[in-house]
Amino acid sequence: AVVSTQSSGATDYPIDLVKTRLQNQVTTIADEVLYKNSMDCFKKVLKFEGIRGLYRGLLPQLCGVSPEKAIKMTTNDAVRQYFTDPKSGGIPLHGEILAGG
């Protein structure tokens, strides 16, 4: 669970970085912005910061997300196992809801 979370976070992170930079940019007095759109932001980060710029801040993000995902998946598995009917192998709707999915 932790490995899949980390690999997913590593592949999605550049998209989140671009989104965050676009959301946080401020206009100047002349109504100019640093980034025109997502692709412009992506290209400028690559040009001025390199590939490492796309992953700046990834490690703290993974350190915070991984434990949360591990707890969530472990709890989900335990609740699903508790509510699984041994005869049919099915899980009632309330068991699915309590398991979070």
C-alpha atoms as a PDB file:
ATOM      1  CA  ALA A   1       0.000   0.000   0.000  1.00  0.00           C
ATOM      2  CA  VAL A   2       2.759   2.417   0.902  1.00  0.00           C
ATOM      3  CA  VAL A   3       4.761   1.683  -2.255  1.00  0.00           C
ATOM      4  CA  SER A   4       1.750   2.177  -4.515  1.00  0.00           C
ATOM      5  CA  THR A   5       0.908   5.428  -2.747  1.00  0.00           C
ATOM      6  CA  GLN A   6       4.454   6.699  -3.142  1.00  0.00           C
ATOM      7  CA  SER A   7       4.724   5.763  -6.810  1.00  0.00           C
ATOM      8  CA  SER A   8       1.341   7.348  -7.497  1.00  0.00           C
ATOM      9  CA  GLY A   9       2.382  10.475  -5.638  1.00  0.00           C
ATOM     10  CA  ALA A  10       5.632  10.677  -7.586  1.00  0.00           C
ATOM     11  CA  THR A  11       3.879  10.456 -10.947  1.00  0.00           C
ATOM     12  CA  ASP A  12       1.101  12.891 -10.042  1.00  0.00           C
ATOM     13  CA  TYR A  13       3.273  15.418  -8.251  1.00  0.00           C
ATOM     14  CA  PRO A  14       4.336  17.534 -11.274  1.00  0.00           C
ATOM     15  CA  ILE A  15       0.665  18.068 -12.121  1.00  0.00           C
ATOM     16  CA  ASP A  16      -0.070  19.183  -8.557  1.00  0.00           C
ATOM     17  CA  LEU A  17       2.973  21.457  -8.573  1.00  0.00           C
ATOM     18  CA  VAL A  18       1.792  23.173 -11.771  1.00  0.00           C
ATOM     19  CA  LYS A  19      -1.749  23.507 -10.393  1.00  0.00           C
ATOM     20  CA  THR A  20      -0.480  24.996  -7.133  1.00  0.00           C
ATOM     21  CA  ARG A  21       1.800  27.474  -8.888  1.00  0.00           C
ATOM     22  CA  LEU A  22      -1.035  28.626 -11.135  1.00  0.00           C
ATOM     23  CA  GLN A  23      -3.333  29.058  -8.133  1.00  0.00           C
ATOM     24  CA  ASN A  24      -0.741  30.967  -6.107  1.00  0.00           C
ATOM     25  CA  GLN A  25       0.448  33.390  -8.777  1.00  0.00           C
ATOM     26  CA  VAL A  26      -0.470  37.021  -8.319  1.00  0.00           C
ATOM     27  CA  THR A  27      -0.966  39.645 -10.978  1.00  0.00           C
ATOM     28  CA  THR A  28       1.282  42.659 -11.213  1.00  0.00           C
ATOM     29  CA  ILE A  29       0.139  46.250 -11.498  1.00  0.00           C
ATOM     30  CA  ALA A  30       0.079  45.847 -15.288  1.00  0.00           C
ATOM     31  CA  ASP A  31      -2.148  42.723 -14.919  1.00  0.00           C
ATOM     32  CA  GLU A  32       0.704  40.475 -16.003  1.00  0.00           C
ATOM     33  CA  VAL A  33       1.035  36.945 -14.678  1.00  0.00           C
ATOM     34  CA  LEU A  34       4.084  34.715 -14.630  1.00  0.00           C
ATOM     35  CA  TYR A  35       2.292  31.734 -16.195  1.00  0.00           C
ATOM     36  CA  LYS A  36      -0.261  31.945 -19.011  1.00  0.00           C
ATOM     37  CA  ASN A  37      -1.576  28.380 -18.640  1.00  0.00           C
ATOM     38  CA  SER A  38      -0.612  24.909 -17.430  1.00  0.00           C
ATOM     39  CA  MET A  39       1.717  24.119 -20.319  1.00  0.00           C
ATOM     40  CA  ASP A  40       3.455  27.484 -20.003  1.00  0.00           C
ATOM     41  CA  CYS A  41       4.005  26.852 -16.296  1.00  0.00           C
ATOM     42  CA  PHE A  42       5.305  23.327 -16.954  1.00  0.00           C
ATOM     43  CA  LYS A  43       7.735  24.556 -19.633  1.00  0.00           C
ATOM     44  CA  LYS A  44       9.027  27.427 -17.476  1.00  0.00           C
ATOM     45  CA  VAL A  45       9.616  25.167 -14.490  1.00  0.00           C
ATOM     46  CA  LEU A  46      11.561  22.748 -16.694  1.00  0.00           C
ATOM     47  CA  LYS A  47      13.529  25.564 -18.358  1.00  0.00           C
ATOM     48  CA  PHE A  48      14.497  27.489 -15.231  1.00  0.00           C
ATOM     49  CA  GLU A  49      14.545  24.771 -12.545  1.00  0.00           C
ATOM     50  CA  GLY A  50      15.127  21.561 -14.483  1.00  0.00           C
ATOM     51  CA  ILE A  51      13.434  18.221 -13.909  1.00  0.00           C
ATOM     52  CA  ARG A  52      14.139  18.503 -10.165  1.00  0.00           C
ATOM     53  CA  GLY A  53      11.989  21.625 -10.077  1.00  0.00           C
ATOM     54  CA  LEU A  54       8.944  19.537 -10.953  1.00  0.00           C
ATOM     55  CA  TYR A  55       9.533  17.419  -7.843  1.00  0.00           C
ATOM     56  CA  ARG A  56      10.476  20.158  -5.378  1.00  0.00           C
ATOM     57  CA  GLY A  57       8.670  19.391  -2.121  1.00  0.00           C
ATOM     58  CA  LEU A  58       7.826  15.775  -2.996  1.00  0.00           C
ATOM     59  CA  LEU A  59       9.565  14.136  -0.027  1.00  0.00           C
ATOM     60  CA  PRO A  60       7.598  15.994   2.673  1.00  0.00           C
ATOM     61  CA  GLN A  61       4.412  15.274   0.728  1.00  0.00           C
ATOM     62  CA  LEU A  62       5.149  11.539   0.646  1.00  0.00           C
ATOM     63  CA  CYS A  63       6.097  11.493   4.312  1.00  0.00           C
ATOM     64  CA  GLY A  64       2.718  12.968   5.181  1.00  0.00           C
ATOM     65  CA  VAL A  65       0.554  10.986   2.766  1.00  0.00           C
ATOM     66  CA  SER A  66       2.046   7.507   3.145  1.00  0.00           C
ATOM     67  CA  PRO A  67       1.101   6.923   6.805  1.00  0.00           C
ATOM     68  CA  GLU A  68      -2.409   8.253   6.200  1.00  0.00           C
ATOM     69  CA  LYS A  69      -2.943   5.932   3.231  1.00  0.00           C
ATOM     70  CA  ALA A  70      -1.482   2.935   5.087  1.00  0.00           C
ATOM     71  CA  ILE A  71      -3.847   3.491   8.030  1.00  0.00           C
ATOM     72  CA  LYS A  72      -6.805   3.971   5.713  1.00  0.00           C
ATOM     73  CA  MET A  73      -6.123   0.798   3.712  1.00  0.00           C
ATOM     74  CA  THR A  74      -5.419  -1.299   6.815  1.00  0.00           C
ATOM     75  CA  THR A  75      -8.656  -0.125   8.423  1.00  0.00           C
ATOM     76  CA  ASN A  76     -10.567  -0.790   5.199  1.00  0.00           C
ATOM     77  CA  ASP A  77      -9.232  -4.353   5.020  1.00  0.00           C
ATOM     78  CA  ALA A  78     -10.007  -5.054   8.684  1.00  0.00           C
ATOM     79  CA  VAL A  79     -13.577  -3.727   8.456  1.00  0.00           C
ATOM     80  CA  ARG A  80     -14.252  -5.610   5.214  1.00  0.00           C
ATOM     81  CA  GLN A  81     -12.922  -8.824   6.761  1.00  0.00           C
ATOM     82  CA  TYR A  82     -15.105  -8.319   9.849  1.00  0.00           C
ATOM     83  CA  PHE A  83     -18.295  -7.893   7.783  1.00  0.00           C
ATOM     84  CA  THR A  84     -17.578 -10.580   5.163  1.00  0.00           C
ATOM     85  CA  ASP A  85     -20.152 -13.385   5.269  1.00  0.00           C
ATOM     86  CA  PRO A  86     -18.157 -16.643   5.587  1.00  0.00           C
ATOM     87  CA  LYS A  87     -20.734 -18.623   3.590  1.00  0.00           C
ATOM     88  CA  SER A  88     -21.266 -16.329   0.597  1.00  0.00           C
ATOM     89  CA  GLY A  89     -18.101 -14.248   0.753  1.00  0.00           C
ATOM     90  CA  GLY A  90     -20.244 -11.150   0.278  1.00  0.00           C
ATOM     91  CA  ILE A  91     -20.209  -7.945   2.283  1.00  0.00           C
ATOM     92  CA  PRO A  92     -23.485  -6.216   3.196  1.00  0.00           C
ATOM     93  CA  LEU A  93     -23.992  -2.612   2.154  1.00  0.00           C
ATOM     94  CA  HIS A  94     -23.542  -1.251   5.680  1.00  0.00           C
ATOM     95  CA  GLY A  95     -20.210  -3.097   5.888  1.00  0.00           C
ATOM     96  CA  GLU A  96     -19.069  -1.528   2.603  1.00  0.00           C
ATOM     97  CA  ILE A  97     -20.109   1.914   3.819  1.00  0.00           C
ATOM     98  CA  LEU A  98     -18.289   1.524   7.141  1.00  0.00           C
ATOM     99  CA  ALA A  99     -15.206   0.259   5.306  1.00  0.00           C
ATOM    100  CA  GLY A 100     -15.168   3.463   3.300  1.00  0.00           C
ATOM    101  CA  GLY A 101     -15.877   2.205  -0.122  1.00  0.00           C
END
